[in-house]
Amino acid sequence: MSKIAVFVDVQNIYYTTRQAWGLPFNYRKFWQHLSHQGDIVMANAYAIARADDGQHKFQSALRHIGFDVKLKPYIQRSDGSAKGDWDVGITIDIMQAAPNVDRVILLSGDGDFDMLINKIRKDYKVITEVYGVEALTANSLIRSANVFHPIEPELLLQ
């Protein structure tokens, strides 16, 4: 049975599914779908820590499903802009996991990950899969993966 590592860019998935479909992603259905394909040996969900009951419930639900939820503080800058980016953390975790699994699955549409996906696919001969909202996923990321799975309504909470 293949060993699967899953990495979720929570903010990206939240905003892209909302923008495209007006609905949130169904993490439980996604987990069930993947668990029939192999052993999920690592599953990280990267989110922003906010003092918000809804966020706490959502993060608890992710943990209950089986995800390790990694939180980073939300930083509000004095100029009004905000920062809460997990790209480096996701990259490090994927680089560490890739030599030990058969498949790396990334949920994100962020084109910043295209070089990472190319590198682990070539260097570790791992199967790379990307899930994203097709219209909002960088073409370079789609091309870098062995398989691109467009997020369609069947993977959303109805």
N, C-alpha and C. Protein backbone atom coordinates (compact mmCIF):
# COMPACT_ATOMS: atom_id res chain seq x y z
N MET A 1 0.84 -1.18 0.00
CA MET A 1 0.00 0.00 0.00
C MET A 1 0.89 1.24 0.00
N SER A 2 0.54 2.23 -0.81
CA SER A 2 1.40 3.41 -0.92
C SER A 2 1.30 4.30 0.31
N LYS A 3 2.44 4.94 0.62
CA LYS A 3 2.52 5.88 1.73
C LYS A 3 2.28 7.28 1.18
N ILE A 4 1.32 7.97 1.80
CA ILE A 4 0.88 9.28 1.32
C ILE A 4 1.18 10.35 2.36
N ALA A 5 1.71 11.48 1.91
CA ALA A 5 1.88 12.66 2.76
C ALA A 5 1.05 13.80 2.15
N VAL A 6 0.27 14.45 3.00
CA VAL A 6 -0.66 15.49 2.55
C VAL A 6 -0.29 16.82 3.21
N PHE A 7 -0.32 17.88 2.42
CA PHE A 7 0.02 19.21 2.89
C PHE A 7 -1.04 20.19 2.39
N VAL A 8 -1.69 20.88 3.33
CA VAL A 8 -2.80 21.76 2.96
C VAL A 8 -2.47 23.21 3.29
N ASP A 9 -2.47 24.04 2.28
CA ASP A 9 -2.36 25.49 2.43
C ASP A 9 -3.79 25.99 2.71
N VAL A 10 -4.17 25.98 3.99
CA VAL A 10 -5.56 26.21 4.38
C VAL A 10 -6.09 27.54 3.87
N GLN A 11 -5.32 28.61 4.00
CA GLN A 11 -5.81 29.92 3.58
C GLN A 11 -6.09 29.92 2.08
N ASN A 12 -5.18 29.34 1.30
CA ASN A 12 -5.37 29.31 -0.14
C ASN A 12 -6.61 28.53 -0.52
N ILE A 13 -6.80 27.37 0.08
CA ILE A 13 -7.97 26.55 -0.24
C ILE A 13 -9.25 27.25 0.20
N TYR A 14 -9.23 27.86 1.37
CA TYR A 14 -10.41 28.58 1.87
C TYR A 14 -10.83 29.67 0.88
N TYR A 15 -9.89 30.54 0.52
CA TYR A 15 -10.24 31.68 -0.32
C TYR A 15 -10.57 31.28 -1.75
N THR A 16 -9.87 30.30 -2.31
CA THR A 16 -10.15 29.93 -3.70
C THR A 16 -11.48 29.19 -3.84
N THR A 17 -11.81 28.30 -2.89
CA THR A 17 -13.10 27.61 -3.01
C THR A 17 -14.25 28.57 -2.75
N ARG A 18 -14.06 29.51 -1.86
CA ARG A 18 -15.09 30.54 -1.61
C ARG A 18 -15.29 31.40 -2.85
N GLN A 19 -14.18 31.82 -3.44
CA GLN A 19 -14.28 32.69 -4.62
C GLN A 19 -14.93 31.96 -5.80
N ALA A 20 -14.49 30.75 -6.05
CA ALA A 20 -14.98 30.02 -7.23
C ALA A 20 -16.36 29.43 -7.03
N TRP A 21 -16.64 28.90 -5.84
CA TRP A 21 -17.85 28.13 -5.64
C TRP A 21 -18.78 28.71 -4.56
N GLY A 22 -18.25 29.59 -3.72
CA GLY A 22 -19.06 30.12 -2.62
C GLY A 22 -19.28 29.09 -1.52
N LEU A 23 -18.45 28.05 -1.51
CA LEU A 23 -18.60 26.95 -0.54
C LEU A 23 -17.24 26.56 0.02
N PRO A 24 -17.21 26.06 1.26
CA PRO A 24 -15.94 25.61 1.83
C PRO A 24 -15.58 24.19 1.36
N PHE A 25 -14.30 23.89 1.47
CA PHE A 25 -13.78 22.58 1.12
C PHE A 25 -14.22 21.55 2.16
N ASN A 26 -14.50 20.33 1.70
CA ASN A 26 -14.94 19.26 2.59
C ASN A 26 -13.73 18.37 2.92
N TYR A 27 -13.06 18.71 4.01
CA TYR A 27 -11.85 17.99 4.40
C TYR A 27 -12.14 16.54 4.79
N ARG A 28 -13.27 16.28 5.39
CA ARG A 28 -13.62 14.91 5.78
C ARG A 28 -13.80 14.02 4.55
N LYS A 29 -14.51 14.52 3.57
CA LYS A 29 -14.72 13.75 2.33
C LYS A 29 -13.39 13.52 1.61
N PHE A 30 -12.56 14.55 1.59
CA PHE A 30 -11.24 14.43 0.97
C PHE A 30 -10.42 13.35 1.67
N TRP A 31 -10.42 13.35 3.00
CA TRP A 31 -9.67 12.35 3.79
C TRP A 31 -10.17 10.94 3.47
N GLN A 32 -11.48 10.78 3.43
CA GLN A 32 -12.05 9.47 3.14
C GLN A 32 -11.63 9.00 1.75
N HIS A 33 -11.65 9.91 0.80
CA HIS A 33 -11.24 9.60 -0.57
C HIS A 33 -9.78 9.12 -0.61
N LEU A 34 -8.89 9.84 0.07
CA LEU A 34 -7.48 9.48 0.07
C LEU A 34 -7.19 8.21 0.84
N SER A 35 -7.89 8.00 1.94
CA SER A 35 -7.59 6.85 2.79
C SER A 35 -7.88 5.53 2.08
N HIS A 36 -8.67 5.56 1.02
CA HIS A 36 -8.92 4.35 0.22
C HIS A 36 -7.80 4.08 -0.77
N GLN A 37 -6.89 5.05 -0.92
CA GLN A 37 -5.82 4.93 -1.93
C GLN A 37 -4.48 4.54 -1.33
N GLY A 38 -4.37 4.54 0.00
CA GLY A 38 -3.10 4.21 0.63
C GLY A 38 -3.11 4.61 2.09
N ASP A 39 -1.93 4.52 2.70
CA ASP A 39 -1.78 4.91 4.10
C ASP A 39 -1.36 6.37 4.18
N ILE A 40 -2.18 7.17 4.84
CA ILE A 40 -1.83 8.58 5.06
C ILE A 40 -0.89 8.60 6.25
N VAL A 41 0.41 8.75 5.98
CA VAL A 41 1.41 8.69 7.04
C VAL A 41 1.74 10.06 7.61
N MET A 42 1.35 11.10 6.89
CA MET A 42 1.54 12.47 7.36
C MET A 42 0.46 13.33 6.72
N ALA A 43 -0.13 14.19 7.52
CA ALA A 43 -1.15 15.11 7.00
C ALA A 43 -1.06 16.40 7.79
N ASN A 44 -0.53 17.43 7.17
CA ASN A 44 -0.38 18.72 7.82
C ASN A 44 -1.30 19.74 7.18
N ALA A 45 -1.97 20.50 8.03
CA ALA A 45 -2.80 21.62 7.59
C ALA A 45 -2.19 22.88 8.18
N TYR A 46 -1.84 23.82 7.34
CA TYR A 46 -1.15 25.04 7.75
C TYR A 46 -2.14 26.19 7.77
N ALA A 47 -2.33 26.78 8.96
CA ALA A 47 -3.35 27.81 9.12
C ALA A 47 -2.80 28.99 9.92
N ILE A 48 -3.60 30.02 9.99
CA ILE A 48 -3.25 31.23 10.73
C ILE A 48 -4.01 31.20 12.05
N ALA A 49 -3.29 31.47 13.13
CA ALA A 49 -3.90 31.49 14.47
C ALA A 49 -4.65 32.80 14.66
N ARG A 50 -5.92 32.68 14.93
CA ARG A 50 -6.74 33.85 15.24
C ARG A 50 -7.59 33.53 16.46
N ALA A 51 -7.82 34.51 17.27
CA ALA A 51 -8.66 34.32 18.46
C ALA A 51 -10.12 34.41 18.04
N ASP A 52 -10.59 33.34 17.46
CA ASP A 52 -11.92 33.33 16.86
C ASP A 52 -12.53 31.95 17.11
N ASP A 53 -13.71 31.89 17.70
CA ASP A 53 -14.35 30.60 18.01
C ASP A 53 -14.53 29.74 16.77
N GLY A 54 -14.92 30.36 15.66
CA GLY A 54 -15.11 29.60 14.43
C GLY A 54 -13.82 28.94 13.97
N GLN A 55 -12.71 29.66 14.07
CA GLN A 55 -11.42 29.10 13.68
C GLN A 55 -11.01 27.96 14.61
N HIS A 56 -11.26 28.14 15.92
CA HIS A 56 -10.92 27.08 16.87
C HIS A 56 -11.72 25.81 16.58
N LYS A 57 -12.99 25.96 16.26
CA LYS A 57 -13.82 24.79 15.94
C LYS A 57 -13.35 24.12 14.65
N PHE A 58 -13.02 24.94 13.66
CA PHE A 58 -12.53 24.41 12.39
C PHE A 58 -11.23 23.64 12.60
N GLN A 59 -10.30 24.21 13.37
CA GLN A 59 -9.02 23.56 13.63
C GLN A 59 -9.22 22.27 14.42
N SER A 60 -10.15 22.27 15.36
CA SER A 60 -10.46 21.04 16.11
C SER A 60 -11.02 19.98 15.19
N ALA A 61 -11.86 20.39 14.25
CA ALA A 61 -12.43 19.43 13.29
C ALA A 61 -11.32 18.82 12.43
N LEU A 62 -10.38 19.65 11.99
CA LEU A 62 -9.26 19.13 11.19
C LEU A 62 -8.45 18.12 12.00
N ARG A 63 -8.21 18.42 13.26
CA ARG A 63 -7.46 17.48 14.12
C ARG A 63 -8.22 16.17 14.29
N HIS A 64 -9.53 16.28 14.46
CA HIS A 64 -10.37 15.09 14.63
C HIS A 64 -10.32 14.21 13.38
N ILE A 65 -10.28 14.83 12.21
CA ILE A 65 -10.19 14.07 10.95
C ILE A 65 -8.86 13.32 10.88
N GLY A 66 -7.79 13.94 11.39
CA GLY A 66 -6.48 13.30 11.35
C GLY A 66 -5.34 14.22 10.98
N PHE A 67 -5.63 15.48 10.72
CA PHE A 67 -4.59 16.44 10.35
C PHE A 67 -3.83 16.94 11.57
N ASP A 68 -2.54 17.17 11.39
CA ASP A 68 -1.73 17.91 12.35
C ASP A 68 -1.87 19.37 11.92
N VAL A 69 -2.48 20.19 12.76
CA VAL A 69 -2.72 21.59 12.41
C VAL A 69 -1.55 22.42 12.92
N LYS A 70 -0.89 23.08 11.98
CA LYS A 70 0.23 23.95 12.32
C LYS A 70 -0.25 25.39 12.20
N LEU A 71 -0.01 26.15 13.27
CA LEU A 71 -0.51 27.52 13.32
C LEU A 71 0.63 28.53 13.33
N LYS A 72 0.39 29.63 12.66
CA LYS A 72 1.33 30.75 12.64
C LYS A 72 0.53 31.99 13.01
N PRO A 73 1.13 32.88 13.79
CA PRO A 73 0.36 34.07 14.18
C PRO A 73 0.04 34.96 13.00
N TYR A 74 -1.11 35.59 13.09
CA TYR A 74 -1.55 36.57 12.11
C TYR A 74 -0.88 37.89 12.47
N ILE A 75 -0.17 38.49 11.53
CA ILE A 75 0.55 39.73 11.80
C ILE A 75 -0.11 40.87 11.04
N GLN A 76 -0.59 41.85 11.79
CA GLN A 76 -1.17 43.05 11.20
C GLN A 76 -0.09 44.13 11.23
N ARG A 77 0.30 44.63 10.08
CA ARG A 77 1.35 45.64 10.01
C ARG A 77 0.76 47.03 10.26
N SER A 78 1.63 47.97 10.63
CA SER A 78 1.17 49.33 10.92
C SER A 78 0.60 50.03 9.70
N ASP A 79 1.00 49.60 8.49
CA ASP A 79 0.47 50.22 7.28
C ASP A 79 -0.88 49.63 6.86
N GLY A 80 -1.40 48.69 7.66
CA GLY A 80 -2.71 48.10 7.38
C GLY A 80 -2.63 46.78 6.65
N SER A 81 -1.47 46.46 6.08
CA SER A 81 -1.32 45.17 5.40
C SER A 81 -1.17 44.06 6.44
N ALA A 82 -1.30 42.84 5.98
CA ALA A 82 -1.22 41.70 6.90
C ALA A 82 -0.29 40.64 6.33
N LYS A 83 0.19 39.80 7.22
CA LYS A 83 1.07 38.70 6.81
C LYS A 83 0.68 37.44 7.58
N GLY A 84 0.65 36.34 6.89
CA GLY A 84 0.35 35.06 7.52
C GLY A 84 0.67 33.95 6.54
N ASP A 85 1.89 33.92 6.07
CA ASP A 85 2.31 33.06 4.97
C ASP A 85 3.05 31.83 5.49
N TRP A 86 2.67 30.66 4.99
CA TRP A 86 3.28 29.39 5.42
C TRP A 86 4.17 28.77 4.34
N ASP A 87 4.48 29.48 3.26
CA ASP A 87 5.20 28.87 2.15
C ASP A 87 6.50 28.19 2.56
N VAL A 88 7.31 28.85 3.38
CA VAL A 88 8.59 28.27 3.77
C VAL A 88 8.38 27.03 4.64
N GLY A 89 7.45 27.10 5.60
CA GLY A 89 7.17 25.95 6.46
C GLY A 89 6.66 24.75 5.67
N ILE A 90 5.78 24.99 4.73
CA ILE A 90 5.26 23.91 3.88
C ILE A 90 6.41 23.30 3.07
N THR A 91 7.25 24.15 2.52
CA THR A 91 8.37 23.69 1.70
C THR A 91 9.32 22.80 2.51
N ILE A 92 9.67 23.24 3.70
CA ILE A 92 10.58 22.45 4.54
C ILE A 92 9.95 21.10 4.86
N ASP A 93 8.69 21.10 5.26
CA ASP A 93 8.04 19.84 5.62
C ASP A 93 7.93 18.89 4.43
N ILE A 94 7.64 19.41 3.25
CA ILE A 94 7.55 18.56 2.06
C ILE A 94 8.93 18.00 1.71
N MET A 95 9.96 18.82 1.80
CA MET A 95 11.32 18.34 1.49
C MET A 95 11.74 17.23 2.46
N GLN A 96 11.35 17.34 3.71
CA GLN A 96 11.70 16.31 4.69
C GLN A 96 10.88 15.03 4.48
N ALA A 97 9.65 15.16 4.05
CA ALA A 97 8.78 13.99 3.89
C ALA A 97 9.03 13.24 2.58
N ALA A 98 9.35 13.94 1.53
CA ALA A 98 9.42 13.35 0.19
C ALA A 98 10.26 12.08 0.08
N PRO A 99 11.44 12.00 0.73
CA PRO A 99 12.24 10.77 0.58
C PRO A 99 11.62 9.54 1.25
N ASN A 100 10.60 9.75 2.09
CA ASN A 100 10.05 8.66 2.89
C ASN A 100 8.64 8.22 2.50
N VAL A 101 8.11 8.79 1.42
CA VAL A 101 6.74 8.45 1.00
C VAL A 101 6.71 8.15 -0.49
N ASP A 102 5.58 7.60 -0.92
CA ASP A 102 5.39 7.30 -2.34
C ASP A 102 4.68 8.44 -3.07
N ARG A 103 3.83 9.15 -2.33
CA ARG A 103 3.04 10.24 -2.94
C ARG A 103 3.05 11.46 -2.01
N VAL A 104 3.24 12.62 -2.62
CA VAL A 104 3.10 13.89 -1.92
C VAL A 104 1.92 14.61 -2.55
N ILE A 105 0.98 14.99 -1.70
CA ILE A 105 -0.23 15.66 -2.17
C ILE A 105 -0.27 17.04 -1.55
N LEU A 106 -0.34 18.06 -2.39
CA LEU A 106 -0.40 19.45 -1.97
C LEU A 106 -1.75 20.03 -2.36
N LEU A 107 -2.40 20.63 -1.40
CA LEU A 107 -3.64 21.37 -1.67
C LEU A 107 -3.30 22.84 -1.63
N SER A 108 -3.18 23.44 -2.80
CA SER A 108 -2.87 24.85 -2.94
C SER A 108 -2.90 25.21 -4.42
N GLY A 109 -3.16 26.45 -4.69
CA GLY A 109 -3.07 26.93 -6.06
C GLY A 109 -1.91 27.88 -6.26
N ASP A 110 -1.07 28.00 -5.24
CA ASP A 110 0.02 28.97 -5.21
C ASP A 110 1.18 28.53 -6.11
N GLY A 111 1.46 29.32 -7.13
CA GLY A 111 2.53 29.02 -8.07
C GLY A 111 3.92 29.04 -7.45
N ASP A 112 4.05 29.59 -6.25
CA ASP A 112 5.35 29.58 -5.58
C ASP A 112 5.84 28.16 -5.30
N PHE A 113 4.92 27.19 -5.31
CA PHE A 113 5.30 25.80 -5.02
C PHE A 113 5.72 25.00 -6.25
N ASP A 114 5.70 25.60 -7.44
CA ASP A 114 6.00 24.83 -8.64
C ASP A 114 7.42 24.27 -8.65
N MET A 115 8.40 25.06 -8.24
CA MET A 115 9.80 24.58 -8.21
C MET A 115 9.96 23.45 -7.20
N LEU A 116 9.31 23.57 -6.07
CA LEU A 116 9.36 22.52 -5.04
C LEU A 116 8.81 21.21 -5.59
N ILE A 117 7.64 21.27 -6.20
CA ILE A 117 6.99 20.06 -6.73
C ILE A 117 7.88 19.43 -7.82
N ASN A 118 8.42 20.25 -8.69
CA ASN A 118 9.35 19.74 -9.71
C ASN A 118 10.55 19.05 -9.08
N LYS A 119 11.13 19.68 -8.08
CA LYS A 119 12.35 19.16 -7.45
C LYS A 119 12.10 17.81 -6.79
N ILE A 120 11.06 17.69 -5.97
CA ILE A 120 10.85 16.42 -5.28
C ILE A 120 10.44 15.32 -6.25
N ARG A 121 9.71 15.68 -7.29
CA ARG A 121 9.31 14.69 -8.30
C ARG A 121 10.56 14.12 -8.98
N LYS A 122 11.50 14.99 -9.33
CA LYS A 122 12.71 14.55 -10.03
C LYS A 122 13.73 13.90 -9.09
N ASP A 123 13.98 14.52 -7.94
CA ASP A 123 15.03 14.03 -7.05
C ASP A 123 14.65 12.77 -6.28
N TYR A 124 13.40 12.66 -5.90
CA TYR A 124 12.98 11.53 -5.05
C TYR A 124 12.06 10.54 -5.76
N LYS A 125 11.75 10.82 -7.01
CA LYS A 125 10.89 9.94 -7.81
C LYS A 125 9.54 9.69 -7.11
N VAL A 126 9.11 10.67 -6.35
CA VAL A 126 7.83 10.59 -5.66
C VAL A 126 6.73 11.08 -6.60
N ILE A 127 5.57 10.49 -6.49
CA ILE A 127 4.42 10.95 -7.28
C ILE A 127 3.89 12.21 -6.62
N THR A 128 3.75 13.26 -7.40
CA THR A 128 3.26 14.53 -6.88
C THR A 128 1.87 14.82 -7.42
N GLU A 129 0.99 15.19 -6.51
CA GLU A 129 -0.37 15.52 -6.88
C GLU A 129 -0.74 16.86 -6.27
N VAL A 130 -1.44 17.67 -7.03
CA VAL A 130 -1.89 18.97 -6.56
C VAL A 130 -3.40 19.03 -6.71
N TYR A 131 -4.05 19.49 -5.65
CA TYR A 131 -5.48 19.78 -5.66
C TYR A 131 -5.63 21.29 -5.58
N GLY A 132 -6.41 21.86 -6.48
CA GLY A 132 -6.66 23.29 -6.45
C GLY A 132 -7.86 23.64 -7.30
N VAL A 133 -8.38 24.83 -7.09
CA VAL A 133 -9.45 25.35 -7.94
C VAL A 133 -8.79 25.71 -9.27
N GLU A 134 -9.18 25.02 -10.33
CA GLU A 134 -8.45 25.12 -11.59
C GLU A 134 -8.26 26.55 -12.09
N ALA A 135 -9.32 27.34 -12.09
CA ALA A 135 -9.24 28.71 -12.61
C ALA A 135 -8.37 29.61 -11.74
N LEU A 136 -8.12 29.20 -10.49
CA LEU A 136 -7.36 30.02 -9.56
C LEU A 136 -6.04 29.37 -9.15
N THR A 137 -5.62 28.35 -9.89
CA THR A 137 -4.35 27.67 -9.63
C THR A 137 -3.36 28.07 -10.71
N ALA A 138 -2.15 28.40 -10.29
CA ALA A 138 -1.11 28.80 -11.24
C ALA A 138 -0.84 27.68 -12.24
N ASN A 139 -0.78 28.04 -13.51
CA ASN A 139 -0.51 27.05 -14.56
C ASN A 139 0.83 26.36 -14.33
N SER A 140 1.80 27.08 -13.81
CA SER A 140 3.11 26.47 -13.56
C SER A 140 3.01 25.38 -12.50
N LEU A 141 2.14 25.55 -11.51
CA LEU A 141 1.96 24.52 -10.49
C LEU A 141 1.24 23.31 -11.08
N ILE A 142 0.24 23.56 -11.89
CA ILE A 142 -0.48 22.47 -12.55
C ILE A 142 0.48 21.63 -13.38
N ARG A 143 1.34 22.31 -14.15
CA ARG A 143 2.29 21.61 -15.03
C ARG A 143 3.37 20.86 -14.25
N SER A 144 3.71 21.34 -13.06
CA SER A 144 4.81 20.73 -12.31
C SER A 144 4.44 19.39 -11.69
N ALA A 145 3.17 19.16 -11.42
CA ALA A 145 2.73 17.95 -10.74
C ALA A 145 2.55 16.79 -11.71
N ASN A 146 2.73 15.56 -11.19
CA ASN A 146 2.38 14.39 -11.99
C ASN A 146 0.89 14.39 -12.31
N VAL A 147 0.09 14.77 -11.31
CA VAL A 147 -1.36 14.77 -11.47
C VAL A 147 -1.93 16.05 -10.85
N PHE A 148 -2.81 16.71 -11.58
CA PHE A 148 -3.55 17.85 -11.04
C PHE A 148 -5.01 17.43 -10.89
N HIS A 149 -5.55 17.66 -9.70
CA HIS A 149 -6.96 17.36 -9.42
C HIS A 149 -7.71 18.67 -9.23
N PRO A 150 -8.58 19.03 -10.16
CA PRO A 150 -9.35 20.25 -9.94
C PRO A 150 -10.36 20.04 -8.80
N ILE A 151 -10.45 21.01 -7.92
CA ILE A 151 -11.46 20.94 -6.85
C ILE A 151 -12.80 21.29 -7.47
N GLU A 152 -13.68 20.33 -7.44
CA GLU A 152 -15.02 20.46 -8.02
C GLU A 152 -16.05 20.37 -6.89
N PRO A 153 -17.31 20.67 -7.17
CA PRO A 153 -18.34 20.68 -6.11
C PRO A 153 -18.44 19.42 -5.27
N GLU A 154 -18.08 18.26 -5.81
CA GLU A 154 -18.19 17.02 -5.01
C GLU A 154 -17.21 17.01 -3.83
N LEU A 155 -16.20 17.89 -3.84
CA LEU A 155 -15.27 17.98 -2.72
C LEU A 155 -15.55 19.20 -1.83
N LEU A 156 -16.74 19.75 -1.96
CA LEU A 156 -17.12 20.91 -1.16
C LEU A 156 -18.26 20.57 -0.21
N LEU A 157 -18.36 21.35 0.87
CA LEU A 157 -19.49 21.19 1.78
C LEU A 157 -20.71 21.81 1.13
N GLN A 158 -21.74 21.03 1.00
CA GLN A 158 -22.95 21.53 0.34
C GLN A 158 -23.96 22.02 1.35
